[in-house]
Amino acid sequence: MSNAYRNNFLREVTANVEEGEWVKMCMQCGVCSGSCPLGPHWEHPPQEIFMMIRAGKREEVLKSNSMWYCTSCYNCIARCPRGLPITHIMHGLAHYAKRLGMVPQNQQTAKFAQKFWDNLTKKGRVNELTLGLSLYFMNGFGEGVKTSLKMQGVGLGMLKTQRMDPLEILGGHGCKDVAGLQAALKKARQIEEAKAVKV
């Protein structure tokens, strides 16, 4: 990538991030940040991220933990006076940072997202039991045992009310055409790899 392209981070975002072309429309009113239930925890709130993109602060944006805090509540989109697709941009930035290997280390949301995706794409439906167990143990065996013991009441309650099937540990239910799903995902990966920007 040339230095000229590196200095134009807005162009890079526009080309590689979902809905990235909307970043230049932000008027810095801060309504998105004020509407976000996790607003106080963001390293950089959305309007600040957008200004940093326009200022060419590539490393600071892509290595930030900010976009990983988005919970897809859509408050920001509903209240933005310009109707910017802020949630989509945040997830797009997170995805792009992941593609470039720039996810902050020990980012819990990124770990959760990967566990959820891996679980979902096996059979096209989430296996709640195996997903829950993988989340409990994602930070090590000792932490997993502590979390499992702490959550045993919830697990037993789910079993009693038939909200969780213990046979899910054997694989659980899948969608009607698992092979078709896998083929579609493989094709999507090929398309994404073909258009990936070399940095």
Protein backbone atom coordinates (compact mmCIF):
# COMPACT_ATOMS: atom_id res chain seq x y z
CA MET A 1 0.00 0.00 0.00
CA SER A 2 1.45 3.39 -0.95
CA ASN A 3 2.10 6.14 1.58
CA ALA A 4 -0.52 8.30 -0.13
CA TYR A 5 -3.13 5.60 0.46
CA ARG A 6 -2.01 5.12 4.06
CA ASN A 7 -2.51 8.85 4.67
CA ASN A 8 -6.05 8.67 3.34
CA PHE A 9 -7.63 6.44 5.94
CA LEU A 10 -11.10 7.73 5.09
CA ARG A 11 -10.71 6.34 1.57
CA GLU A 12 -9.54 3.02 3.00
CA VAL A 13 -12.55 2.85 5.34
CA THR A 14 -14.92 3.79 2.52
CA ALA A 15 -13.53 0.96 0.38
CA ASN A 16 -13.30 -1.76 3.02
CA VAL A 17 -15.80 -1.14 5.83
CA GLU A 18 -19.52 -1.79 5.58
CA GLU A 19 -21.34 1.56 5.19
CA GLY A 20 -17.94 3.27 5.57
CA GLU A 21 -18.86 5.96 3.04
CA TRP A 22 -21.21 7.45 5.68
CA VAL A 23 -18.34 8.41 8.03
CA LYS A 24 -17.86 11.74 6.24
CA MET A 25 -21.49 12.68 6.98
CA CYS A 26 -21.02 12.78 10.78
CA MET A 27 -21.57 16.31 12.13
CA GLN A 28 -20.06 15.55 15.57
CA CYS A 29 -23.23 16.23 17.57
CA GLY A 30 -22.54 13.38 20.04
CA VAL A 31 -26.13 12.08 20.11
CA CYS A 32 -24.85 8.56 19.35
CA SER A 33 -22.56 8.55 22.38
CA GLY A 34 -25.26 9.95 24.64
CA SER A 35 -27.69 7.27 23.42
CA CYS A 36 -25.34 4.32 23.90
CA PRO A 37 -25.94 2.24 27.05
CA LEU A 38 -22.21 1.49 27.14
CA GLY A 39 -21.18 5.04 26.24
CA PRO A 40 -19.11 5.69 29.39
CA HIS A 41 -16.99 2.60 28.71
CA TRP A 42 -15.93 3.40 25.14
CA GLU A 43 -12.28 4.31 24.67
CA HIS A 44 -13.45 6.60 21.84
CA PRO A 45 -17.19 7.19 21.28
CA PRO A 46 -18.53 6.81 17.71
CA GLN A 47 -18.32 10.48 16.71
CA GLU A 48 -14.72 10.57 17.95
CA ILE A 49 -13.91 7.42 15.95
CA PHE A 50 -15.38 9.08 12.85
CA MET A 51 -13.30 12.23 13.41
CA MET A 52 -10.18 10.11 13.95
CA ILE A 53 -10.87 8.32 10.64
CA ARG A 54 -11.13 11.67 8.87
CA ALA A 55 -7.91 12.78 10.57
CA GLY A 56 -6.08 9.70 9.24
CA LYS A 57 -5.45 8.10 12.66
CA ARG A 58 -5.41 4.57 11.23
CA GLU A 59 -3.52 2.71 13.97
CA GLU A 60 -5.40 4.38 16.82
CA VAL A 61 -8.78 3.51 15.28
CA LEU A 62 -8.09 -0.06 14.19
CA LYS A 63 -6.34 -0.99 17.44
CA SER A 64 -9.01 0.66 19.59
CA ASN A 65 -11.38 -1.45 21.67
CA SER A 66 -14.22 0.98 20.96
CA MET A 67 -16.06 -0.80 18.14
CA TRP A 68 -15.98 -4.05 20.11
CA TYR A 69 -18.31 -2.50 22.70
CA CYS A 70 -21.22 -2.14 20.27
CA THR A 71 -24.13 -4.38 21.35
CA SER A 72 -26.32 -3.68 18.29
CA CYS A 73 -29.05 -1.95 20.32
CA TYR A 74 -29.48 0.53 17.42
CA ASN A 75 -30.19 3.49 19.75
CA CYS A 76 -27.54 5.48 17.90
CA ILE A 77 -29.10 4.85 14.48
CA ALA A 78 -32.61 5.63 15.74
CA ARG A 79 -31.48 8.97 17.22
CA CYS A 80 -28.84 10.14 14.74
CA PRO A 81 -30.18 13.36 13.12
CA ARG A 82 -28.51 12.37 9.86
CA GLY A 83 -29.55 8.71 9.96
CA LEU A 84 -26.01 7.36 9.86
CA PRO A 85 -25.79 3.53 10.07
CA ILE A 86 -23.48 3.81 13.08
CA THR A 87 -24.00 0.23 14.32
CA HIS A 88 -23.10 -1.17 10.89
CA ILE A 89 -19.99 1.01 10.69
CA MET A 90 -18.84 -0.07 14.17
CA HIS A 91 -19.24 -3.75 13.33
CA GLY A 92 -17.62 -3.14 9.95
CA LEU A 93 -14.60 -1.52 11.61
CA ALA A 94 -14.31 -4.43 14.05
CA HIS A 95 -14.48 -6.92 11.18
CA TYR A 96 -11.89 -4.98 9.16
CA ALA A 97 -9.53 -4.73 12.16
CA LYS A 98 -9.87 -8.48 12.64
CA ARG A 99 -9.10 -9.10 8.97
CA LEU A 100 -5.93 -7.03 9.37
CA GLY A 101 -4.93 -8.79 12.61
CA MET A 102 -5.32 -5.61 14.66
CA VAL A 103 -7.82 -6.75 17.32
CA PRO A 104 -6.75 -5.58 20.80
CA GLN A 105 -5.33 -8.45 22.87
CA ASN A 106 -7.63 -10.00 25.49
CA GLN A 107 -10.68 -8.35 23.91
CA GLN A 108 -13.55 -10.28 25.51
CA THR A 109 -16.18 -9.16 23.00
CA ALA A 110 -14.01 -10.32 20.11
CA LYS A 111 -13.55 -13.69 21.81
CA PHE A 112 -17.30 -14.00 22.38
CA ALA A 113 -18.07 -13.06 18.76
CA GLN A 114 -15.65 -15.72 17.46
CA LYS A 115 -17.04 -18.42 19.79
CA PHE A 116 -20.60 -17.56 18.75
CA TRP A 117 -19.70 -17.60 15.04
CA ASP A 118 -17.82 -20.91 15.29
CA ASN A 119 -20.78 -22.47 17.11
CA LEU A 120 -23.39 -21.12 14.70
CA THR A 121 -21.60 -22.09 11.51
CA LYS A 122 -21.17 -25.76 12.44
CA LYS A 123 -24.83 -26.60 11.84
CA GLY A 124 -26.58 -23.32 11.12
CA ARG A 125 -28.13 -23.10 14.57
CA VAL A 126 -26.61 -22.11 17.90
CA ASN A 127 -26.03 -24.97 20.31
CA GLU A 128 -26.61 -23.10 23.57
CA LEU A 129 -25.09 -25.74 25.81
CA THR A 130 -21.76 -26.03 24.00
CA LEU A 131 -21.66 -22.26 23.40
CA GLY A 132 -22.22 -21.59 27.09
CA LEU A 133 -19.52 -24.06 28.12
CA SER A 134 -17.03 -22.65 25.61
CA LEU A 135 -17.69 -19.14 26.95
CA TYR A 136 -17.24 -20.23 30.55
CA PHE A 137 -13.85 -21.77 29.75
CA MET A 138 -12.57 -19.21 27.22
CA ASN A 139 -10.29 -17.61 29.82
CA GLY A 140 -8.82 -20.85 31.15
CA PHE A 141 -9.82 -24.01 32.99
CA GLY A 142 -9.80 -22.58 36.51
CA GLU A 143 -11.93 -19.60 35.52
CA GLY A 144 -14.28 -21.94 33.67
CA VAL A 145 -14.83 -24.16 36.72
CA LYS A 146 -15.55 -21.10 38.90
CA THR A 147 -18.03 -19.70 36.37
CA SER A 148 -19.72 -23.09 35.91
CA LEU A 149 -20.21 -23.47 39.66
CA LYS A 150 -21.50 -19.93 39.93
CA MET A 151 -24.00 -20.52 37.09
CA GLN A 152 -25.14 -24.02 38.04
CA GLY A 153 -28.48 -22.70 39.36
CA VAL A 154 -29.23 -21.07 36.01
CA GLY A 155 -28.29 -24.27 34.16
CA LEU A 156 -30.49 -26.45 36.37
CA GLY A 157 -33.37 -24.00 35.94
CA MET A 158 -33.00 -24.15 32.17
CA LEU A 159 -33.01 -27.95 32.27
CA LYS A 160 -36.14 -28.05 34.47
CA THR A 161 -38.07 -25.70 32.20
CA GLN A 162 -36.78 -27.54 29.09
CA ARG A 163 -35.02 -24.43 27.84
CA MET A 164 -31.87 -26.51 27.35
CA ASP A 165 -31.54 -30.06 26.08
CA PRO A 166 -28.70 -32.04 27.73
CA LEU A 167 -28.38 -34.03 24.49
CA GLU A 168 -27.08 -30.85 22.83
CA ILE A 169 -23.67 -31.88 24.12
CA LEU A 170 -23.79 -34.58 21.40
CA GLY A 171 -24.22 -32.01 18.64
CA GLY A 172 -27.73 -30.58 18.84
CA HIS A 173 -30.05 -29.64 16.02
CA GLY A 174 -28.97 -28.17 12.72
CA CYS A 175 -30.60 -26.34 9.84
CA LYS A 176 -32.22 -28.33 7.03
CA ASP A 177 -29.30 -27.98 4.61
CA VAL A 178 -26.03 -27.95 6.55
CA ALA A 179 -24.03 -28.84 3.43
CA GLY A 180 -25.59 -25.92 1.56
CA LEU A 181 -24.79 -23.59 4.46
CA GLN A 182 -21.15 -24.72 4.50
CA ALA A 183 -20.90 -24.22 0.72
CA ALA A 184 -22.34 -20.70 1.00
CA LEU A 185 -19.93 -19.80 3.83
CA LYS A 186 -16.98 -21.17 1.85
CA LYS A 187 -17.97 -19.07 -1.17
CA ALA A 188 -18.36 -15.96 1.03
CA ARG A 189 -14.85 -16.52 2.46
CA GLN A 190 -13.43 -16.84 -1.06
CA ILE A 191 -15.08 -13.59 -2.15
CA GLU A 192 -13.81 -11.78 0.93
CA GLU A 193 -10.28 -13.11 0.51
CA ALA A 194 -10.30 -12.03 -3.15
CA LYS A 195 -11.16 -8.43 -2.27
CA ALA A 196 -8.99 -8.22 0.86
CA VAL A 197 -6.67 -5.24 0.84
CA LYS A 198 -2.98 -6.16 1.03
CA VAL A 199 -1.27 -4.09 3.67
